[in-house]
Amino acid sequence: MGAKTRPQTAKRKKSKTSPAPARAASMASVATQNLINMVAVSTTSGAVLLALLAARHF
């Protein structure tokens, strides 16, 4: 008796889940943090400049 064989079917490719949403969230988080840092640096430097101008005036 011969062995029964099944006809070969095409193998299914596993679909990779796209890391796009995670990457977008990460980029948004980094951009927000950079914006906060820029505002903090600008505020600090502005305060220092105002203090120097006031010290020079008096």
N, C-alpha and C. Protein backbone atom coordinates (compact mmCIF):
# COMPACT_ATOMS: atom_id res chain seq x y z
N MET A 1 0.83 -1.18 0.00
CA MET A 1 0.00 0.00 0.00
C MET A 1 0.87 1.24 0.00
N GLY A 2 0.48 2.19 -0.80
CA GLY A 2 1.23 3.43 -0.86
C GLY A 2 0.78 4.41 0.21
N ALA A 3 1.70 5.24 0.64
CA ALA A 3 1.36 6.24 1.65
C ALA A 3 0.53 7.34 1.01
N LYS A 4 -0.47 7.76 1.74
CA LYS A 4 -1.31 8.83 1.23
C LYS A 4 -0.61 10.18 1.48
N THR A 5 -0.54 10.98 0.49
CA THR A 5 0.07 12.30 0.64
C THR A 5 -0.96 13.36 0.30
N ARG A 6 -0.88 14.43 1.03
CA ARG A 6 -1.78 15.55 0.74
C ARG A 6 -1.12 16.46 -0.28
N PRO A 7 -1.90 17.06 -1.12
CA PRO A 7 -1.29 18.03 -2.04
C PRO A 7 -0.76 19.22 -1.23
N GLN A 8 0.41 19.68 -1.62
CA GLN A 8 1.02 20.79 -0.89
C GLN A 8 0.24 22.07 -1.16
N THR A 9 -0.01 22.78 -0.08
CA THR A 9 -0.69 24.07 -0.20
C THR A 9 0.33 25.16 0.07
N ALA A 10 0.05 26.34 -0.42
CA ALA A 10 0.97 27.46 -0.21
C ALA A 10 1.04 27.79 1.27
N LYS A 11 2.25 27.99 1.77
CA LYS A 11 2.42 28.32 3.18
C LYS A 11 1.95 29.75 3.41
N ARG A 12 1.26 29.91 4.51
CA ARG A 12 0.78 31.26 4.84
C ARG A 12 1.89 32.06 5.47
N LYS A 13 2.06 33.23 4.99
CA LYS A 13 3.07 34.11 5.58
C LYS A 13 2.44 34.80 6.78
N LYS A 14 3.18 34.82 7.86
CA LYS A 14 2.69 35.51 9.04
C LYS A 14 2.83 37.01 8.80
N SER A 15 1.74 37.71 8.98
CA SER A 15 1.80 39.15 8.78
C SER A 15 2.45 39.79 10.00
N LYS A 16 3.43 40.59 9.72
CA LYS A 16 4.10 41.29 10.82
C LYS A 16 3.24 42.46 11.24
N THR A 17 3.07 42.60 12.53
CA THR A 17 2.31 43.75 13.00
C THR A 17 3.17 44.99 12.82
N SER A 18 2.59 45.98 12.26
CA SER A 18 3.33 47.20 11.94
C SER A 18 3.68 47.97 13.20
N PRO A 19 4.94 48.32 13.38
CA PRO A 19 5.32 49.10 14.56
C PRO A 19 5.06 50.59 14.37
N ALA A 20 4.33 50.96 13.32
CA ALA A 20 4.10 52.37 13.03
C ALA A 20 3.39 53.10 14.17
N PRO A 21 2.31 52.55 14.75
CA PRO A 21 1.66 53.30 15.85
C PRO A 21 2.59 53.50 17.04
N ALA A 22 3.37 52.49 17.37
CA ALA A 22 4.29 52.65 18.50
C ALA A 22 5.36 53.68 18.17
N ARG A 23 5.85 53.65 16.94
CA ARG A 23 6.87 54.60 16.54
C ARG A 23 6.31 56.02 16.55
N ALA A 24 5.07 56.18 16.07
CA ALA A 24 4.46 57.51 16.05
C ALA A 24 4.27 58.04 17.47
N ALA A 25 3.84 57.17 18.37
CA ALA A 25 3.66 57.60 19.75
C ALA A 25 5.00 57.98 20.37
N SER A 26 6.03 57.21 20.07
CA SER A 26 7.36 57.51 20.60
C SER A 26 7.88 58.84 20.06
N MET A 27 7.68 59.05 18.75
CA MET A 27 8.14 60.31 18.15
C MET A 27 7.39 61.49 18.72
N ALA A 28 6.09 61.33 18.97
CA ALA A 28 5.31 62.41 19.56
C ALA A 28 5.79 62.72 20.97
N SER A 29 6.12 61.67 21.71
CA SER A 29 6.62 61.87 23.07
C SER A 29 7.95 62.60 23.07
N VAL A 30 8.84 62.21 22.17
CA VAL A 30 10.15 62.87 22.07
C VAL A 30 9.98 64.32 21.64
N ALA A 31 9.10 64.57 20.68
CA ALA A 31 8.87 65.94 20.21
C ALA A 31 8.31 66.80 21.33
N THR A 32 7.39 66.25 22.12
CA THR A 32 6.82 67.00 23.24
C THR A 32 7.89 67.32 24.27
N GLN A 33 8.72 66.33 24.57
CA GLN A 33 9.79 66.57 25.54
C GLN A 33 10.77 67.63 25.05
N ASN A 34 11.10 67.58 23.75
CA ASN A 34 12.00 68.59 23.18
C ASN A 34 11.38 69.99 23.27
N LEU A 35 10.08 70.07 23.00
CA LEU A 35 9.40 71.37 23.09
C LEU A 35 9.44 71.91 24.51
N ILE A 36 9.19 71.04 25.48
CA ILE A 36 9.23 71.47 26.89
C ILE A 36 10.62 71.94 27.25
N ASN A 37 11.64 71.22 26.80
CA ASN A 37 13.02 71.63 27.09
C ASN A 37 13.36 72.97 26.44
N MET A 38 12.89 73.17 25.21
CA MET A 38 13.16 74.45 24.53
C MET A 38 12.52 75.61 25.28
N VAL A 39 11.30 75.42 25.74
CA VAL A 39 10.62 76.49 26.49
C VAL A 39 11.35 76.77 27.79
N ALA A 40 11.80 75.71 28.47
CA ALA A 40 12.51 75.89 29.73
C ALA A 40 13.82 76.64 29.53
N VAL A 41 14.56 76.29 28.49
CA VAL A 41 15.83 76.97 28.21
C VAL A 41 15.59 78.43 27.83
N SER A 42 14.59 78.68 27.01
CA SER A 42 14.29 80.05 26.60
C SER A 42 13.87 80.90 27.80
N THR A 43 13.06 80.34 28.68
CA THR A 43 12.62 81.07 29.86
C THR A 43 13.79 81.38 30.78
N THR A 44 14.64 80.41 30.98
CA THR A 44 15.80 80.61 31.86
C THR A 44 16.74 81.66 31.29
N SER A 45 17.04 81.54 30.00
CA SER A 45 17.97 82.51 29.41
C SER A 45 17.35 83.91 29.39
N GLY A 46 16.06 83.99 29.16
CA GLY A 46 15.39 85.29 29.21
C GLY A 46 15.45 85.91 30.59
N ALA A 47 15.25 85.09 31.61
CA ALA A 47 15.31 85.60 32.98
C ALA A 47 16.73 86.06 33.33
N VAL A 48 17.72 85.32 32.88
CA VAL A 48 19.11 85.72 33.14
C VAL A 48 19.42 87.04 32.44
N LEU A 49 18.99 87.17 31.19
CA LEU A 49 19.24 88.42 30.46
C LEU A 49 18.54 89.60 31.12
N LEU A 50 17.30 89.41 31.56
CA LEU A 50 16.60 90.49 32.26
C LEU A 50 17.31 90.86 33.56
N ALA A 51 17.79 89.87 34.28
CA ALA A 51 18.50 90.14 35.54
C ALA A 51 19.78 90.91 35.27
N LEU A 52 20.51 90.55 34.20
CA LEU A 52 21.73 91.27 33.86
C LEU A 52 21.44 92.71 33.45
N LEU A 53 20.38 92.89 32.67
CA LEU A 53 20.00 94.26 32.27
C LEU A 53 19.60 95.09 33.49
N ALA A 54 18.85 94.48 34.40
CA ALA A 54 18.44 95.21 35.60
C ALA A 54 19.64 95.55 36.46
N ALA A 55 20.59 94.63 36.57
CA ALA A 55 21.79 94.88 37.38
C ALA A 55 22.64 95.98 36.74
N ARG A 56 22.68 96.02 35.44
CA ARG A 56 23.46 97.05 34.76
C ARG A 56 22.80 98.42 34.90
N HIS A 57 21.47 98.41 34.92
CA HIS A 57 20.72 99.67 35.01
C HIS A 57 20.90 100.30 36.37
N PHE A 58 20.90 99.50 37.42
CA PHE A 58 21.00 100.04 38.77
C PHE A 58 22.41 100.04 39.20
